[in-house]
Each structure stands twice: as C-alpha cells, then as structure tokens.
C-alpha cells in the first residue's frame, strides 16, 4: 500500500473540525441515548502534537455514559520519544490493576498506533482497541511527516522496518478503525486494515481528521463498540437506520478492504 498524502483541498477543509464540535454539542441529547457503559476503564490517547485537552469532550461524554475514562497524562504527544512507550505501558498497567478490569484503549491519529502497540504488548490487559484516523497501514501517507520529524526529532525510517511492518498487523484483541475518506491529514487507505478479520473492522464516517475526537458519528460508533459484552464482540452492522445515516465502506485501490465471514466466536 502506498497511498499519497491527502490533497491540499482536503487539507484546507480541516477547518470543519470546529463545526463538528458544535454538532457534537447539539447532538449530545441523542448521543446520551446510546448504550450505556458497564464502568470499565477507557484509556484515551491523543493525536500527534495534541494533549489530553483535545480529548476532554470525548472523555467527558464517556464518563456520562458510565465509563471510567482517563487521559494518557504525558502532556503533549511529541512522538515516540524515549520513555513514552514505557510510560503508556505503566499507565495501562496501573488502570488494569487499580480497577481489576481490562482496559479499552482509544487512540486518535498517532495515538491509535500507540493503542494497537499497547494491545500487542499487554493483550491480557486490553479489552478492545478503537483508532480514529490512525495511519497504521502506511506512516508516510500523511501531510504531517515533516512536522513529525521537526517535533519528534525522528524520521519515519528511524522507527525501523520491523516496527513499521508490525504496526500494519491487526492487534490480538477486537479492534475498530474509524476513518473518513475526506480526511485531510492522513490518507484514509492508511487508516484501515486492508482485509477485515474475525475481530477486526473498519467503520467509515463523514468528517475531518481534526474533528474525529468529537465528531458525532465517531462518538456514536465509539459508544456502540464500548458497550458490547467483554467476550461478545460483534461487528458494527450497517443495517436499519444506520444504512441511511452512515456511508458504506470504501474500497481500496487494490480492491481489498472487504469483510470476511465472522469467526464463530465473534458471531
């Protein structure tokens, strides 16, 4: 997969994020009618160059829905610098041991790449993973590569071929990749698993990249995914009213991005 970064026209449309925040506030009465939670912990990881302040609306909503939602508590996300991975692991372990329950991990953009890696390293502690516009399939398919290099002090090549290949692999827990084909930061093909598996799915929504953490469509999908029984994961089906509201899945250039038959344990 080698998709180019989104066009300048899509990048210019990222200002929609402000309107999406307003739409989120207006939609709150309806969003609060979504399935409520069972109190399990949810760790929310911010995107590149963002901090926990960016996920305040999402975490506030999740708390109202009955979850114990937490930020990553590391300040601004300046990339995978020394100590960042270990601090996230300690944060995950703390929530797991403190609550005695597995942790759902939500990651926005670069935060989603972290989330998938946490699930790989501590699968027994992670309930499920949700990514929001995370370019795990191709790190170079973004409009922020130079900014990433300037802020983190790293190049994409510095991450190493083993890590770049590993991040393309689905995590060993149920995972949902939320993406938008009008994302102006990361090309949408970089943000999906090319072939959906028994516990891996891609859900398309309309909207920008910078608004994914408070986009009403994304928030509804997140609430729906988190409310599933821990050992009863089911795919997000576009049936009934959802088929009228949510756009159908997109197809990658190589024709992959398809749904396979659910595994009996996930059906």
C-alpha atoms as a PDB file:
ATOM      1  CA  UNK A   1       0.000   0.000   0.000  1.00  0.00           C
ATOM      2  CA  UNK A   2       1.463   3.346  -0.996  1.00  0.00           C
ATOM      3  CA  UNK A   3      -1.261   5.999  -0.960  1.00  0.00           C
ATOM      4  CA  UNK A   4      -0.207   9.616  -1.339  1.00  0.00           C
ATOM      5  CA  UNK A   5      -1.000  12.149   1.402  1.00  0.00           C
ATOM      6  CA  UNK A   6      -4.450  13.756   1.102  1.00  0.00           C
ATOM      7  CA  UNK A   7      -4.827  16.590  -1.380  1.00  0.00           C
ATOM      8  CA  UNK A   8      -4.356  20.235  -0.435  1.00  0.00           C
ATOM      9  CA  UNK A   9      -8.076  20.730  -0.991  1.00  0.00           C
ATOM     10  CA  UNK A  10      -8.888  18.154   1.690  1.00  0.00           C
ATOM     11  CA  UNK A  11      -6.249  19.645   3.974  1.00  0.00           C
ATOM     12  CA  UNK A  12      -7.905  23.044   3.613  1.00  0.00           C
ATOM     13  CA  UNK A  13     -11.215  21.507   4.679  1.00  0.00           C
ATOM     14  CA  UNK A  14      -9.840  20.516   8.081  1.00  0.00           C
ATOM     15  CA  UNK A  15     -11.439  23.691   9.435  1.00  0.00           C
ATOM     16  CA  UNK A  16     -14.633  21.610   9.554  1.00  0.00           C
ATOM     17  CA  UNK A  17     -13.437  20.358  12.928  1.00  0.00           C
ATOM     18  CA  UNK A  18     -14.837  23.498  14.565  1.00  0.00           C
ATOM     19  CA  UNK A  19     -18.287  22.881  13.085  1.00  0.00           C
ATOM     20  CA  UNK A  20     -18.060  19.232  14.131  1.00  0.00           C
ATOM     21  CA  UNK A  21     -17.501  20.317  17.729  1.00  0.00           C
ATOM     22  CA  UNK A  22     -20.648  22.414  17.514  1.00  0.00           C
ATOM     23  CA  UNK A  23     -22.516  19.467  16.005  1.00  0.00           C
ATOM     24  CA  UNK A  24     -21.278  17.287  18.875  1.00  0.00           C
ATOM     25  CA  UNK A  25     -22.711  19.690  21.454  1.00  0.00           C
ATOM     26  CA  UNK A  26     -26.031  19.846  19.624  1.00  0.00           C
ATOM     27  CA  UNK A  27     -26.163  16.061  19.257  1.00  0.00           C
ATOM     28  CA  UNK A  28     -25.450  15.329  22.939  1.00  0.00           C
ATOM     29  CA  UNK A  29     -29.113  14.688  23.851  1.00  0.00           C
ATOM     30  CA  UNK A  30     -29.264  11.999  21.146  1.00  0.00           C
ATOM     31  CA  UNK A  31     -25.792  10.656  21.873  1.00  0.00           C
ATOM     32  CA  UNK A  32     -26.710  10.180  25.524  1.00  0.00           C
ATOM     33  CA  UNK A  33     -29.381   7.767  24.300  1.00  0.00           C
ATOM     34  CA  UNK A  34     -26.612   5.458  23.067  1.00  0.00           C
ATOM     35  CA  UNK A  35     -25.939   2.250  25.033  1.00  0.00           C
ATOM     36  CA  UNK A  36     -24.552   3.000  28.479  1.00  0.00           C
ATOM     37  CA  UNK A  37     -21.349   1.546  29.865  1.00  0.00           C
ATOM     38  CA  UNK A  38     -20.517  -1.044  32.474  1.00  0.00           C
ATOM     39  CA  UNK A  39     -17.960   1.066  34.312  1.00  0.00           C
ATOM     40  CA  UNK A  40     -14.850  -0.463  32.782  1.00  0.00           C
ATOM     41  CA  UNK A  41     -11.794   1.778  32.298  1.00  0.00           C
ATOM     42  CA  UNK A  42     -11.126   3.507  28.979  1.00  0.00           C
ATOM     43  CA  UNK A  43      -7.720   4.977  28.164  1.00  0.00           C
ATOM     44  CA  UNK A  44      -7.814   7.758  25.543  1.00  0.00           C
ATOM     45  CA  UNK A  45      -4.573   8.631  23.720  1.00  0.00           C
ATOM     46  CA  UNK A  46      -4.287  12.000  21.906  1.00  0.00           C
ATOM     47  CA  UNK A  47      -3.029  12.569  18.401  1.00  0.00           C
ATOM     48  CA  UNK A  48       0.367  13.886  17.342  1.00  0.00           C
ATOM     49  CA  UNK A  49       1.192  17.327  18.812  1.00  0.00           C
ATOM     50  CA  UNK A  50      -2.028  17.230  20.877  1.00  0.00           C
ATOM     51  CA  UNK A  51      -2.519  16.735  24.611  1.00  0.00           C
ATOM     52  CA  UNK A  52      -5.241  15.408  26.893  1.00  0.00           C
ATOM     53  CA  UNK A  53      -7.018  18.744  26.411  1.00  0.00           C
ATOM     54  CA  UNK A  54      -8.009  17.596  22.909  1.00  0.00           C
ATOM     55  CA  UNK A  55      -9.858  14.560  24.280  1.00  0.00           C
ATOM     56  CA  UNK A  56     -11.771  16.348  27.066  1.00  0.00           C
ATOM     57  CA  UNK A  57     -15.113  16.307  25.149  1.00  0.00           C
ATOM     58  CA  UNK A  58     -14.796  12.581  24.391  1.00  0.00           C
ATOM     59  CA  UNK A  59     -13.743  11.615  27.908  1.00  0.00           C
ATOM     60  CA  UNK A  60     -16.467  13.765  29.448  1.00  0.00           C
ATOM     61  CA  UNK A  61     -19.066  12.077  27.279  1.00  0.00           C
ATOM     62  CA  UNK A  62     -17.769   8.612  28.141  1.00  0.00           C
ATOM     63  CA  UNK A  63     -17.941   9.360  31.860  1.00  0.00           C
ATOM     64  CA  UNK A  64     -21.547  10.463  31.456  1.00  0.00           C
ATOM     65  CA  UNK A  65     -22.225   7.164  29.694  1.00  0.00           C
ATOM     66  CA  UNK A  66     -20.885   5.173  32.616  1.00  0.00           C
ATOM     67  CA  UNK A  67     -17.221   4.544  31.838  1.00  0.00           C
ATOM     68  CA  UNK A  68     -14.105   5.358  33.825  1.00  0.00           C
ATOM     69  CA  UNK A  69     -12.339   7.440  31.169  1.00  0.00           C
ATOM     70  CA  UNK A  70      -8.724   8.560  31.547  1.00  0.00           C
ATOM     71  CA  UNK A  71      -6.222  10.592  29.530  1.00  0.00           C
ATOM     72  CA  UNK A  72      -2.668   9.489  28.906  1.00  0.00           C
ATOM     73  CA  UNK A  73      -1.178  12.052  31.385  1.00  0.00           C
ATOM     74  CA  UNK A  74       2.014  12.718  29.400  1.00  0.00           C
ATOM     75  CA  UNK A  75       1.449  16.263  28.226  1.00  0.00           C
ATOM     76  CA  UNK A  76       1.749  16.950  24.511  1.00  0.00           C
ATOM     77  CA  UNK A  77       2.201  13.974  22.182  1.00  0.00           C
ATOM     78  CA  UNK A  78       5.532  14.725  20.531  1.00  0.00           C
ATOM     79  CA  UNK A  79       6.014  11.304  19.012  1.00  0.00           C
ATOM     80  CA  UNK A  80       7.552   8.022  20.178  1.00  0.00           C
ATOM     81  CA  UNK A  81      10.471   9.580  22.014  1.00  0.00           C
ATOM     82  CA  UNK A  82      12.435   7.689  24.687  1.00  0.00           C
ATOM     83  CA  UNK A  83      10.278   6.853  27.688  1.00  0.00           C
ATOM     84  CA  UNK A  84       6.903   7.423  26.017  1.00  0.00           C
ATOM     85  CA  UNK A  85       6.159   3.749  25.359  1.00  0.00           C
ATOM     86  CA  UNK A  86       7.148   2.716  28.874  1.00  0.00           C
ATOM     87  CA  UNK A  87       5.019   5.466  30.419  1.00  0.00           C
ATOM     88  CA  UNK A  88       1.980   4.323  28.428  1.00  0.00           C
ATOM     89  CA  UNK A  89       2.540   0.722  29.494  1.00  0.00           C
ATOM     90  CA  UNK A  90       2.730   1.809  33.121  1.00  0.00           C
ATOM     91  CA  UNK A  91      -0.456   3.855  32.693  1.00  0.00           C
ATOM     92  CA  UNK A  92      -2.255   0.838  31.216  1.00  0.00           C
ATOM     93  CA  UNK A  93      -0.982  -1.483  33.933  1.00  0.00           C
ATOM     94  CA  UNK A  94      -1.998   0.979  36.646  1.00  0.00           C
ATOM     95  CA  UNK A  95      -5.570   1.191  35.335  1.00  0.00           C
ATOM     96  CA  UNK A  96      -5.770  -2.577  34.965  1.00  0.00           C
ATOM     97  CA  UNK A  97      -4.544  -3.336  38.481  1.00  0.00           C
ATOM     98  CA  UNK A  98      -6.407  -0.421  40.083  1.00  0.00           C
ATOM     99  CA  UNK A  99      -9.781  -1.430  38.660  1.00  0.00           C
ATOM    100  CA  UNK A 100      -9.269  -5.177  38.302  1.00  0.00           C
ATOM    101  CA  UNK A 101     -10.734  -4.963  34.806  1.00  0.00           C
ATOM    102  CA  UNK A 102      -9.424  -4.968  31.250  1.00  0.00           C
ATOM    103  CA  UNK A 103      -8.996  -1.562  29.633  1.00  0.00           C
ATOM    104  CA  UNK A 104     -10.459  -0.336  26.344  1.00  0.00           C
ATOM    105  CA  UNK A 105      -7.939   1.871  24.515  1.00  0.00           C
ATOM    106  CA  UNK A 106      -8.969   4.630  22.110  1.00  0.00           C
ATOM    107  CA  UNK A 107      -6.274   6.339  20.054  1.00  0.00           C
ATOM    108  CA  UNK A 108      -6.631   9.399  17.840  1.00  0.00           C
ATOM    109  CA  UNK A 109      -4.246   9.530  14.857  1.00  0.00           C
ATOM    110  CA  UNK A 110      -0.750   8.684  16.190  1.00  0.00           C
ATOM    111  CA  UNK A 111      -2.447   7.737  19.456  1.00  0.00           C
ATOM    112  CA  UNK A 112      -4.151   4.880  17.625  1.00  0.00           C
ATOM    113  CA  UNK A 113      -0.791   3.462  16.544  1.00  0.00           C
ATOM    114  CA  UNK A 114       0.217   3.547  20.202  1.00  0.00           C
ATOM    115  CA  UNK A 115      -3.077   1.868  21.160  1.00  0.00           C
ATOM    116  CA  UNK A 116      -2.526  -1.058  18.797  1.00  0.00           C
ATOM    117  CA  UNK A 117       1.009  -1.474  20.103  1.00  0.00           C
ATOM    118  CA  UNK A 118      -0.195  -1.499  23.727  1.00  0.00           C
ATOM    119  CA  UNK A 119      -2.627  -4.282  22.825  1.00  0.00           C
ATOM    120  CA  UNK A 120       0.209  -6.266  21.281  1.00  0.00           C
ATOM    121  CA  UNK A 121       2.371  -5.899  24.348  1.00  0.00           C
ATOM    122  CA  UNK A 122      -0.312  -6.424  27.009  1.00  0.00           C
ATOM    123  CA  UNK A 123      -3.183  -8.318  25.311  1.00  0.00           C
ATOM    124  CA  UNK A 124      -4.370  -9.724  28.631  1.00  0.00           C
ATOM    125  CA  UNK A 125      -4.978  -6.168  29.880  1.00  0.00           C
ATOM    126  CA  UNK A 126      -6.710  -4.701  26.812  1.00  0.00           C
ATOM    127  CA  UNK A 127     -10.412  -5.259  26.164  1.00  0.00           C
ATOM    128  CA  UNK A 128     -10.572  -3.667  22.713  1.00  0.00           C
ATOM    129  CA  UNK A 129      -8.912  -1.007  20.575  1.00  0.00           C
ATOM    130  CA  UNK A 130     -10.554   1.844  18.660  1.00  0.00           C
ATOM    131  CA  UNK A 131      -8.490   4.013  16.321  1.00  0.00           C
ATOM    132  CA  UNK A 132      -9.518   7.394  14.910  1.00  0.00           C
ATOM    133  CA  UNK A 133      -7.849   8.241  11.609  1.00  0.00           C
ATOM    134  CA  UNK A 134      -4.653   6.404  12.580  1.00  0.00           C
ATOM    135  CA  UNK A 135      -2.242   5.793   9.653  1.00  0.00           C
ATOM    136  CA  UNK A 136      -1.039   2.404  10.848  1.00  0.00           C
ATOM    137  CA  UNK A 137      -1.042   0.907   7.329  1.00  0.00           C
ATOM    138  CA  UNK A 138       1.359   3.491   5.868  1.00  0.00           C
ATOM    139  CA  UNK A 139       3.013   6.104   8.069  1.00  0.00           C
ATOM    140  CA  UNK A 140       4.121   8.213   5.103  1.00  0.00           C
ATOM    141  CA  UNK A 141       0.603   8.792   3.768  1.00  0.00           C
ATOM    142  CA  UNK A 142       0.092  11.960   5.811  1.00  0.00           C
ATOM    143  CA  UNK A 143       0.513  15.696   5.460  1.00  0.00           C
ATOM    144  CA  UNK A 144       2.436  15.996   8.729  1.00  0.00           C
ATOM    145  CA  UNK A 145       5.586  13.954   8.056  1.00  0.00           C
ATOM    146  CA  UNK A 146       7.879  16.988   8.111  1.00  0.00           C
ATOM    147  CA  UNK A 147       6.186  18.322  11.244  1.00  0.00           C
ATOM    148  CA  UNK A 148       6.601  14.905  12.842  1.00  0.00           C
ATOM    149  CA  UNK A 149      10.320  14.957  12.073  1.00  0.00           C
ATOM    150  CA  UNK A 150      10.739  18.503  13.401  1.00  0.00           C
ATOM    151  CA  UNK A 151       8.855  17.922  16.654  1.00  0.00           C
ATOM    152  CA  UNK A 152       9.897  14.356  17.478  1.00  0.00           C
ATOM    153  CA  UNK A 153      13.462  14.523  16.181  1.00  0.00           C
ATOM    154  CA  UNK A 154      12.803  11.241  14.363  1.00  0.00           C
ATOM    155  CA  UNK A 155      12.238  10.244  10.762  1.00  0.00           C
ATOM    156  CA  UNK A 156       9.819   7.510   9.686  1.00  0.00           C
ATOM    157  CA  UNK A 157      12.848   5.362   8.834  1.00  0.00           C
ATOM    158  CA  UNK A 158      14.124   5.751  12.396  1.00  0.00           C
ATOM    159  CA  UNK A 159      11.114   3.734  13.590  1.00  0.00           C
ATOM    160  CA  UNK A 160      12.651   0.700  11.912  1.00  0.00           C
ATOM    161  CA  UNK A 161      11.277  -1.744   9.318  1.00  0.00           C
ATOM    162  CA  UNK A 162      10.211  -4.259  11.975  1.00  0.00           C
ATOM    163  CA  UNK A 163       8.026  -1.711  13.769  1.00  0.00           C
ATOM    164  CA  UNK A 164       6.580  -0.334  10.518  1.00  0.00           C
ATOM    165  CA  UNK A 165       5.628  -3.850   9.438  1.00  0.00           C
ATOM    166  CA  UNK A 166       4.284  -4.775  12.870  1.00  0.00           C
ATOM    167  CA  UNK A 167       2.031  -1.750  13.102  1.00  0.00           C
ATOM    168  CA  UNK A 168       0.233  -2.879   9.928  1.00  0.00           C
ATOM    169  CA  UNK A 169      -0.776  -6.134  11.613  1.00  0.00           C
ATOM    170  CA  UNK A 170      -4.109  -6.208  13.474  1.00  0.00           C
ATOM    171  CA  UNK A 171      -3.791  -6.296  17.263  1.00  0.00           C
ATOM    172  CA  UNK A 172      -4.604  -9.547  19.102  1.00  0.00           C
ATOM    173  CA  UNK A 173      -7.823  -8.077  20.538  1.00  0.00           C
ATOM    174  CA  UNK A 174     -11.044  -6.816  18.901  1.00  0.00           C
ATOM    175  CA  UNK A 175     -10.296  -3.617  17.009  1.00  0.00           C
ATOM    176  CA  UNK A 176     -12.294  -0.967  15.187  1.00  0.00           C
ATOM    177  CA  UNK A 177     -10.667   1.500  12.791  1.00  0.00           C
ATOM    178  CA  UNK A 178     -12.813   4.610  12.347  1.00  0.00           C
ATOM    179  CA  UNK A 179     -11.861   6.576   9.226  1.00  0.00           C
ATOM    180  CA  UNK A 180     -13.083   9.243   6.822  1.00  0.00           C
ATOM    181  CA  UNK A 181     -12.443   9.330   3.078  1.00  0.00           C
ATOM    182  CA  UNK A 182     -12.321  13.149   3.343  1.00  0.00           C
ATOM    183  CA  UNK A 183      -9.577  13.100   5.996  1.00  0.00           C
ATOM    184  CA  UNK A 184      -7.185  15.945   5.145  1.00  0.00           C
ATOM    185  CA  UNK A 185      -4.290  14.806   7.342  1.00  0.00           C
ATOM    186  CA  UNK A 186      -3.933  11.048   6.805  1.00  0.00           C
ATOM    187  CA  UNK A 187      -4.994   9.267   3.625  1.00  0.00           C
ATOM    188  CA  UNK A 188      -7.934   7.062   4.530  1.00  0.00           C
ATOM    189  CA  UNK A 189      -6.366   3.957   2.951  1.00  0.00           C
ATOM    190  CA  UNK A 190      -3.558   4.261   5.500  1.00  0.00           C
ATOM    191  CA  UNK A 191      -6.110   4.178   8.324  1.00  0.00           C
ATOM    192  CA  UNK A 192      -7.844   0.857   7.617  1.00  0.00           C
ATOM    193  CA  UNK A 193      -6.994  -2.819   7.793  1.00  0.00           C
ATOM    194  CA  UNK A 194      -6.910  -3.893   4.147  1.00  0.00           C
ATOM    195  CA  UNK A 195      -8.744  -7.132   4.933  1.00  0.00           C
ATOM    196  CA  UNK A 196     -11.153  -7.241   7.844  1.00  0.00           C
ATOM    197  CA  UNK A 197     -10.877 -10.332  10.020  1.00  0.00           C
ATOM    198  CA  UNK A 198     -12.967 -12.105  12.665  1.00  0.00           C
ATOM    199  CA  UNK A 199     -12.323  -9.392  15.252  1.00  0.00           C
ATOM    200  CA  UNK A 200     -11.127  -6.557  13.025  1.00  0.00           C
ATOM    201  CA  UNK A 201     -13.358  -3.980  11.351  1.00  0.00           C
ATOM    202  CA  UNK A 202     -13.265  -0.624   9.583  1.00  0.00           C
ATOM    203  CA  UNK A 203     -16.093   1.896  10.024  1.00  0.00           C
ATOM    204  CA  UNK A 204     -16.391   4.845   7.682  1.00  0.00           C
ATOM    205  CA  UNK A 205     -17.836   8.164   8.831  1.00  0.00           C
ATOM    206  CA  UNK A 206     -18.144  11.597   7.179  1.00  0.00           C
ATOM    207  CA  UNK A 207     -15.901  14.311   8.555  1.00  0.00           C
ATOM    208  CA  UNK A 208     -12.421  15.727   9.037  1.00  0.00           C
ATOM    209  CA  UNK A 209      -9.323  14.330  10.735  1.00  0.00           C
ATOM    210  CA  UNK A 210      -9.020  17.070  13.342  1.00  0.00           C
ATOM    211  CA  UNK A 211     -12.645  16.607  14.375  1.00  0.00           C
ATOM    212  CA  UNK A 212     -12.623  12.826  14.817  1.00  0.00           C
ATOM    213  CA  UNK A 213     -12.433  13.023  18.600  1.00  0.00           C
ATOM    214  CA  UNK A 214     -15.739  14.892  18.812  1.00  0.00           C
ATOM    215  CA  UNK A 215     -17.431  14.006  15.519  1.00  0.00           C
ATOM    216  CA  UNK A 216     -20.988  12.863  16.418  1.00  0.00           C
ATOM    217  CA  UNK A 217     -20.765   9.890  14.030  1.00  0.00           C
ATOM    218  CA  UNK A 218     -17.477   8.763  15.566  1.00  0.00           C
ATOM    219  CA  UNK A 219     -18.806   9.269  19.092  1.00  0.00           C
ATOM    220  CA  UNK A 220     -21.816   7.069  18.355  1.00  0.00           C
ATOM    221  CA  UNK A 221     -19.614   4.304  16.938  1.00  0.00           C
ATOM    222  CA  UNK A 222     -17.326   4.520  19.980  1.00  0.00           C
ATOM    223  CA  UNK A 223     -20.274   4.259  22.373  1.00  0.00           C
ATOM    224  CA  UNK A 224     -21.674   1.295  20.462  1.00  0.00           C
ATOM    225  CA  UNK A 225     -18.350  -0.540  20.424  1.00  0.00           C
ATOM    226  CA  UNK A 226     -17.562   0.053  24.107  1.00  0.00           C
ATOM    227  CA  UNK A 227     -20.997  -1.158  25.218  1.00  0.00           C
ATOM    228  CA  UNK A 228     -20.504  -4.676  23.878  1.00  0.00           C
ATOM    229  CA  UNK A 229     -20.041  -7.514  26.368  1.00  0.00           C
ATOM    230  CA  UNK A 230     -16.358  -8.159  27.001  1.00  0.00           C
ATOM    231  CA  UNK A 231     -16.414 -11.612  25.451  1.00  0.00           C
ATOM    232  CA  UNK A 232     -19.234 -10.964  22.995  1.00  0.00           C
ATOM    233  CA  UNK A 233     -17.688  -8.689  20.362  1.00  0.00           C
ATOM    234  CA  UNK A 234     -19.824  -8.180  17.264  1.00  0.00           C
ATOM    235  CA  UNK A 235     -19.248  -6.253  14.080  1.00  0.00           C
ATOM    236  CA  UNK A 236     -20.773  -2.787  13.621  1.00  0.00           C
ATOM    237  CA  UNK A 237     -23.502  -3.624  11.114  1.00  0.00           C
ATOM    238  CA  UNK A 238     -24.889  -1.035   8.706  1.00  0.00           C
ATOM    239  CA  UNK A 239     -28.459  -2.219   8.873  1.00  0.00           C
ATOM    240  CA  UNK A 240     -31.751  -0.464   9.546  1.00  0.00           C
ATOM    241  CA  UNK A 241     -31.449   3.272  10.159  1.00  0.00           C
ATOM    242  CA  UNK A 242     -27.657   3.055  10.209  1.00  0.00           C
ATOM    243  CA  UNK A 243     -27.613   2.243   6.498  1.00  0.00           C
ATOM    244  CA  UNK A 244     -29.373   5.567   5.878  1.00  0.00           C
ATOM    245  CA  UNK A 245     -27.029   7.610   8.078  1.00  0.00           C
ATOM    246  CA  UNK A 246     -23.571   6.056   7.761  1.00  0.00           C
ATOM    247  CA  UNK A 247     -21.742   5.910   4.402  1.00  0.00           C
ATOM    248  CA  UNK A 248     -20.960   2.429   3.039  1.00  0.00           C
ATOM    249  CA  UNK A 249     -17.400   1.091   3.368  1.00  0.00           C
ATOM    250  CA  UNK A 250     -14.908   2.399   0.840  1.00  0.00           C
ATOM    251  CA  UNK A 251     -12.823   0.096  -1.335  1.00  0.00           C
ATOM    252  CA  UNK A 252      -9.061   0.477  -1.557  1.00  0.00           C
ATOM    253  CA  UNK A 253      -7.337   0.791  -4.916  1.00  0.00           C
ATOM    254  CA  UNK A 254      -6.236  -2.815  -4.813  1.00  0.00           C
ATOM    255  CA  UNK A 255      -9.813  -3.917  -4.123  1.00  0.00           C
ATOM    256  CA  UNK A 256      -9.128  -5.267  -0.633  1.00  0.00           C
ATOM    257  CA  UNK A 257     -10.894  -3.665   2.361  1.00  0.00           C
ATOM    258  CA  UNK A 258     -13.560  -6.317   2.361  1.00  0.00           C
ATOM    259  CA  UNK A 259     -15.495  -8.107   5.072  1.00  0.00           C
ATOM    260  CA  UNK A 260     -14.820 -11.769   5.687  1.00  0.00           C
ATOM    261  CA  UNK A 261     -17.220 -14.177   7.333  1.00  0.00           C
ATOM    262  CA  UNK A 262     -17.234 -13.693  11.116  1.00  0.00           C
ATOM    263  CA  UNK A 263     -15.463 -16.285  13.200  1.00  0.00           C
ATOM    264  CA  UNK A 264     -17.946 -18.413  15.180  1.00  0.00           C
ATOM    265  CA  UNK A 265     -16.660 -16.956  18.456  1.00  0.00           C
ATOM    266  CA  UNK A 266     -17.301 -13.414  17.226  1.00  0.00           C
ATOM    267  CA  UNK A 267     -20.703 -14.091  15.665  1.00  0.00           C
END
